[in-house]
C-alpha cells in the first residue's frame, strides 16, 4: 500500500500543480472497508479533507484527472488566497 500512496501522491501533485505552487501539505489515507481515499490538504490554519473513491484513484493513476477533486483543490486555494490578500 505504501507504493500506492507514493504513486498516487506523485500523480496528484503532477495533475494539480497548485499543490506544489502553494506548498500545500498533502496527506492521504486509504480506507479498504469503504474503498476510498481520504485526501487531506493543509496550509497554515486551512484544512481540506475530501474523499476519492478507489475507482477515481485508479483512473488518476492512469492519467485521468478527477474533476471533483480538482474543483475541491481549486476552491481550497481560492479561499486562502483571498484571505491572504485581505490581510495585506
N, C-alpha and C. Protein backbone atom coordinates (compact mmCIF):
# COMPACT_ATOMS: atom_id res chain seq x y z
N UNK A 1 0.82 -1.19 0.00
CA UNK A 1 0.00 0.00 0.00
C UNK A 1 0.87 1.26 0.00
N UNK A 2 2.07 1.19 0.60
CA UNK A 2 2.94 2.36 0.62
C UNK A 2 3.29 2.84 -0.78
N UNK A 3 3.53 1.89 -1.71
CA UNK A 3 3.81 2.27 -3.09
C UNK A 3 2.61 2.99 -3.69
N UNK A 4 1.41 2.51 -3.39
CA UNK A 4 0.20 3.14 -3.91
C UNK A 4 0.07 4.57 -3.40
N UNK A 5 0.37 4.80 -2.12
CA UNK A 5 0.29 6.14 -1.55
C UNK A 5 1.28 7.06 -2.26
N UNK A 6 2.51 6.62 -2.40
CA UNK A 6 3.53 7.44 -3.05
C UNK A 6 3.19 7.69 -4.52
N UNK A 7 2.72 6.67 -5.21
CA UNK A 7 2.35 6.82 -6.62
C UNK A 7 1.18 7.78 -6.79
N UNK A 8 0.17 7.63 -5.96
CA UNK A 8 -1.00 8.50 -6.06
C UNK A 8 -0.63 9.93 -5.68
N UNK A 9 0.16 10.11 -4.65
CA UNK A 9 0.59 11.46 -4.26
C UNK A 9 1.35 12.13 -5.39
N UNK A 10 2.27 11.41 -6.00
CA UNK A 10 3.05 11.95 -7.11
C UNK A 10 2.14 12.34 -8.28
N UNK A 11 1.18 11.50 -8.57
CA UNK A 11 0.25 11.76 -9.68
C UNK A 11 -0.61 12.98 -9.38
N UNK A 12 -1.14 13.08 -8.16
CA UNK A 12 -1.96 14.23 -7.78
C UNK A 12 -1.17 15.53 -7.84
N UNK A 13 0.05 15.50 -7.36
CA UNK A 13 0.89 16.70 -7.40
C UNK A 13 1.18 17.10 -8.84
N UNK A 14 1.36 16.13 -9.71
CA UNK A 14 1.59 16.42 -11.13
C UNK A 14 0.35 16.96 -11.82
N UNK A 15 -0.81 16.42 -11.49
CA UNK A 15 -2.06 16.83 -12.12
C UNK A 15 -2.58 18.17 -11.60
N UNK A 16 -2.32 18.43 -10.35
CA UNK A 16 -2.82 19.63 -9.70
C UNK A 16 -1.63 20.43 -9.17
N UNK A 17 -0.95 21.19 -10.05
CA UNK A 17 0.28 21.88 -9.67
C UNK A 17 0.10 22.89 -8.55
N UNK A 18 -1.13 23.33 -8.30
CA UNK A 18 -1.36 24.27 -7.21
C UNK A 18 -0.97 23.67 -5.85
N UNK A 19 -0.93 22.35 -5.75
CA UNK A 19 -0.48 21.70 -4.51
C UNK A 19 0.96 22.12 -4.22
N UNK A 20 1.81 22.01 -5.21
CA UNK A 20 3.21 22.40 -5.04
C UNK A 20 3.41 23.91 -5.11
N UNK A 21 2.67 24.57 -5.99
CA UNK A 21 2.81 26.02 -6.15
C UNK A 21 2.52 26.76 -4.85
N UNK A 22 1.61 26.22 -4.05
CA UNK A 22 1.21 26.88 -2.80
C UNK A 22 1.74 26.15 -1.57
N UNK A 23 2.68 25.23 -1.79
CA UNK A 23 3.30 24.48 -0.69
C UNK A 23 2.26 23.86 0.25
N UNK A 24 1.27 23.23 -0.34
CA UNK A 24 0.25 22.57 0.47
C UNK A 24 0.79 21.25 0.99
N UNK A 25 0.47 20.94 2.22
CA UNK A 25 0.82 19.65 2.78
C UNK A 25 -0.23 18.64 2.33
N UNK A 26 0.20 17.59 1.66
CA UNK A 26 -0.70 16.55 1.15
C UNK A 26 -0.49 15.28 1.96
N UNK A 27 -1.58 14.77 2.50
CA UNK A 27 -1.55 13.51 3.23
C UNK A 27 -2.74 12.68 2.74
N UNK A 28 -2.58 11.38 2.72
CA UNK A 28 -3.65 10.51 2.22
C UNK A 28 -3.75 9.27 3.09
N UNK A 29 -4.96 8.78 3.18
CA UNK A 29 -5.21 7.56 3.94
C UNK A 29 -6.25 6.73 3.18
N UNK A 30 -5.94 5.45 2.98
CA UNK A 30 -6.87 4.56 2.29
C UNK A 30 -7.72 3.81 3.30
N UNK A 31 -9.02 3.75 3.04
CA UNK A 31 -9.96 3.02 3.88
C UNK A 31 -10.46 1.81 3.09
N UNK A 32 -9.83 0.65 3.26
CA UNK A 32 -10.19 -0.52 2.45
C UNK A 32 -11.63 -0.99 2.64
N UNK A 33 -12.16 -0.84 3.85
CA UNK A 33 -13.53 -1.30 4.09
C UNK A 33 -14.56 -0.47 3.32
N UNK A 34 -14.22 0.77 3.00
CA UNK A 34 -15.12 1.66 2.25
C UNK A 34 -14.66 1.86 0.80
N UNK A 35 -13.43 1.41 0.51
CA UNK A 35 -12.82 1.53 -0.82
C UNK A 35 -12.74 2.98 -1.29
N UNK A 36 -12.21 3.84 -0.41
CA UNK A 36 -11.94 5.21 -0.81
C UNK A 36 -10.71 5.73 -0.08
N UNK A 37 -10.17 6.81 -0.64
CA UNK A 37 -9.04 7.52 -0.07
C UNK A 37 -9.55 8.78 0.61
N UNK A 38 -8.97 9.11 1.74
CA UNK A 38 -9.19 10.42 2.34
C UNK A 38 -7.99 11.26 1.91
N UNK A 39 -8.27 12.33 1.19
CA UNK A 39 -7.23 13.25 0.73
C UNK A 39 -7.24 14.44 1.67
N UNK A 40 -6.10 14.73 2.28
CA UNK A 40 -6.00 15.82 3.24
C UNK A 40 -5.00 16.84 2.73
N UNK A 41 -5.46 18.07 2.61
CA UNK A 41 -4.59 19.18 2.22
C UNK A 41 -4.60 20.19 3.35
N UNK A 42 -3.42 20.73 3.65
CA UNK A 42 -3.32 21.73 4.70
C UNK A 42 -2.34 22.82 4.31
N UNK A 43 -2.67 24.03 4.74
CA UNK A 43 -1.75 25.16 4.64
C UNK A 43 -2.09 26.09 5.80
N UNK A 44 -1.13 26.28 6.67
CA UNK A 44 -1.34 27.10 7.86
C UNK A 44 -2.58 26.58 8.60
N UNK A 45 -3.57 27.44 8.83
CA UNK A 45 -4.78 27.04 9.55
C UNK A 45 -5.86 26.48 8.63
N UNK A 46 -5.60 26.42 7.35
CA UNK A 46 -6.59 25.95 6.37
C UNK A 46 -6.44 24.44 6.18
N UNK A 47 -7.58 23.75 6.22
CA UNK A 47 -7.56 22.29 6.06
C UNK A 47 -8.71 21.87 5.15
N UNK A 48 -8.41 20.94 4.28
CA UNK A 48 -9.42 20.34 3.41
C UNK A 48 -9.27 18.83 3.52
N UNK A 49 -10.35 18.16 3.86
CA UNK A 49 -10.40 16.70 3.84
C UNK A 49 -11.51 16.34 2.87
N UNK A 50 -11.16 15.57 1.86
CA UNK A 50 -12.15 15.15 0.88
C UNK A 50 -11.91 13.68 0.55
N UNK A 51 -12.84 13.10 -0.15
CA UNK A 51 -12.78 11.67 -0.45
C UNK A 51 -12.54 11.46 -1.95
N UNK A 52 -11.81 10.40 -2.24
CA UNK A 52 -11.56 9.98 -3.61
C UNK A 52 -11.79 8.48 -3.65
N UNK A 53 -12.83 8.06 -4.36
CA UNK A 53 -13.12 6.63 -4.34
C UNK A 53 -12.05 5.86 -5.12
N UNK A 54 -11.99 4.58 -4.84
CA UNK A 54 -10.95 3.71 -5.40
C UNK A 54 -10.93 3.77 -6.92
N UNK A 55 -12.10 3.77 -7.53
CA UNK A 55 -12.19 3.82 -8.99
C UNK A 55 -11.58 5.11 -9.54
N UNK A 56 -11.88 6.23 -8.91
CA UNK A 56 -11.30 7.51 -9.36
C UNK A 56 -9.80 7.56 -9.12
N UNK A 57 -9.36 6.99 -8.01
CA UNK A 57 -7.92 6.95 -7.73
C UNK A 57 -7.19 6.11 -8.78
N UNK A 58 -7.78 4.99 -9.15
CA UNK A 58 -7.16 4.14 -10.18
C UNK A 58 -7.13 4.87 -11.52
N UNK A 59 -8.20 5.60 -11.84
CA UNK A 59 -8.22 6.39 -13.08
C UNK A 59 -7.14 7.46 -13.03
N UNK A 60 -6.99 8.09 -11.87
CA UNK A 60 -5.96 9.11 -11.69
C UNK A 60 -4.57 8.52 -11.95
N UNK A 61 -4.32 7.35 -11.42
CA UNK A 61 -3.03 6.69 -11.64
C UNK A 61 -2.82 6.39 -13.12
N UNK A 62 -3.93 6.24 -13.85
CA UNK A 62 -3.86 6.01 -15.29
C UNK A 62 -3.79 7.29 -16.10
N UNK A 63 -3.77 8.44 -15.42
CA UNK A 63 -3.62 9.71 -16.12
C UNK A 63 -4.90 10.50 -16.33
N UNK A 64 -6.02 10.05 -15.75
CA UNK A 64 -7.29 10.75 -15.91
C UNK A 64 -7.52 11.64 -14.69
N UNK A 65 -7.72 12.95 -14.93
CA UNK A 65 -7.96 13.87 -13.84
C UNK A 65 -9.35 13.67 -13.25
N UNK A 66 -9.45 13.81 -11.95
CA UNK A 66 -10.72 13.74 -11.25
C UNK A 66 -11.27 15.17 -11.14
N UNK A 67 -12.31 15.47 -11.87
CA UNK A 67 -12.87 16.82 -11.90
C UNK A 67 -13.29 17.26 -10.50
N UNK A 68 -13.97 16.39 -9.78
CA UNK A 68 -14.43 16.73 -8.43
C UNK A 68 -13.27 17.15 -7.54
N UNK A 69 -12.20 16.39 -7.55
CA UNK A 69 -11.04 16.70 -6.73
C UNK A 69 -10.40 18.01 -7.18
N UNK A 70 -10.31 18.23 -8.48
CA UNK A 70 -9.74 19.47 -9.00
C UNK A 70 -10.54 20.69 -8.55
N UNK A 71 -11.86 20.57 -8.54
CA UNK A 71 -12.72 21.67 -8.08
C UNK A 71 -12.49 21.91 -6.59
N UNK A 72 -12.42 20.85 -5.82
CA UNK A 72 -12.18 20.98 -4.38
C UNK A 72 -10.85 21.68 -4.09
N UNK A 73 -9.80 21.26 -4.79
CA UNK A 73 -8.48 21.86 -4.59
C UNK A 73 -8.51 23.33 -5.02
N UNK A 74 -9.13 23.61 -6.15
CA UNK A 74 -9.22 24.98 -6.65
C UNK A 74 -9.94 25.89 -5.67
N UNK A 75 -11.03 25.44 -5.09
CA UNK A 75 -11.77 26.25 -4.12
C UNK A 75 -10.96 26.44 -2.84
N UNK A 76 -10.27 25.40 -2.42
CA UNK A 76 -9.42 25.48 -1.23
C UNK A 76 -8.35 26.55 -1.41
N UNK A 77 -7.67 26.53 -2.54
CA UNK A 77 -6.62 27.51 -2.84
C UNK A 77 -7.23 28.91 -2.92
N UNK A 78 -8.35 29.04 -3.59
CA UNK A 78 -9.00 30.34 -3.73
C UNK A 78 -9.35 30.94 -2.37
N UNK A 79 -9.83 30.12 -1.45
CA UNK A 79 -10.20 30.60 -0.12
C UNK A 79 -9.03 31.20 0.63
N UNK A 80 -7.89 30.49 0.69
CA UNK A 80 -6.79 31.07 1.46
C UNK A 80 -6.08 32.18 0.70
N UNK A 81 -6.08 32.17 -0.63
CA UNK A 81 -5.52 33.29 -1.38
C UNK A 81 -6.32 34.57 -1.11
N UNK A 82 -7.64 34.44 -1.07
CA UNK A 82 -8.49 35.60 -0.82
C UNK A 82 -8.21 36.16 0.57
N UNK A 83 -8.08 35.32 1.56
CA UNK A 83 -7.79 35.77 2.91
C UNK A 83 -6.41 36.42 2.99
N UNK A 84 -5.42 35.82 2.31
CA UNK A 84 -4.08 36.40 2.31
C UNK A 84 -4.08 37.80 1.70
N UNK A 85 -4.86 38.01 0.62
CA UNK A 85 -4.93 39.33 0.01
C UNK A 85 -5.58 40.34 0.96
N UNK A 86 -6.60 39.90 1.68
CA UNK A 86 -7.29 40.78 2.61
C UNK A 86 -6.39 41.20 3.77
N UNK A 87 -5.48 40.32 4.16
CA UNK A 87 -4.58 40.60 5.28
C UNK A 87 -3.48 41.57 4.92
N UNK A 88 -3.21 41.76 3.65
CA UNK A 88 -2.11 42.65 3.21
C UNK A 88 -2.52 44.09 3.22
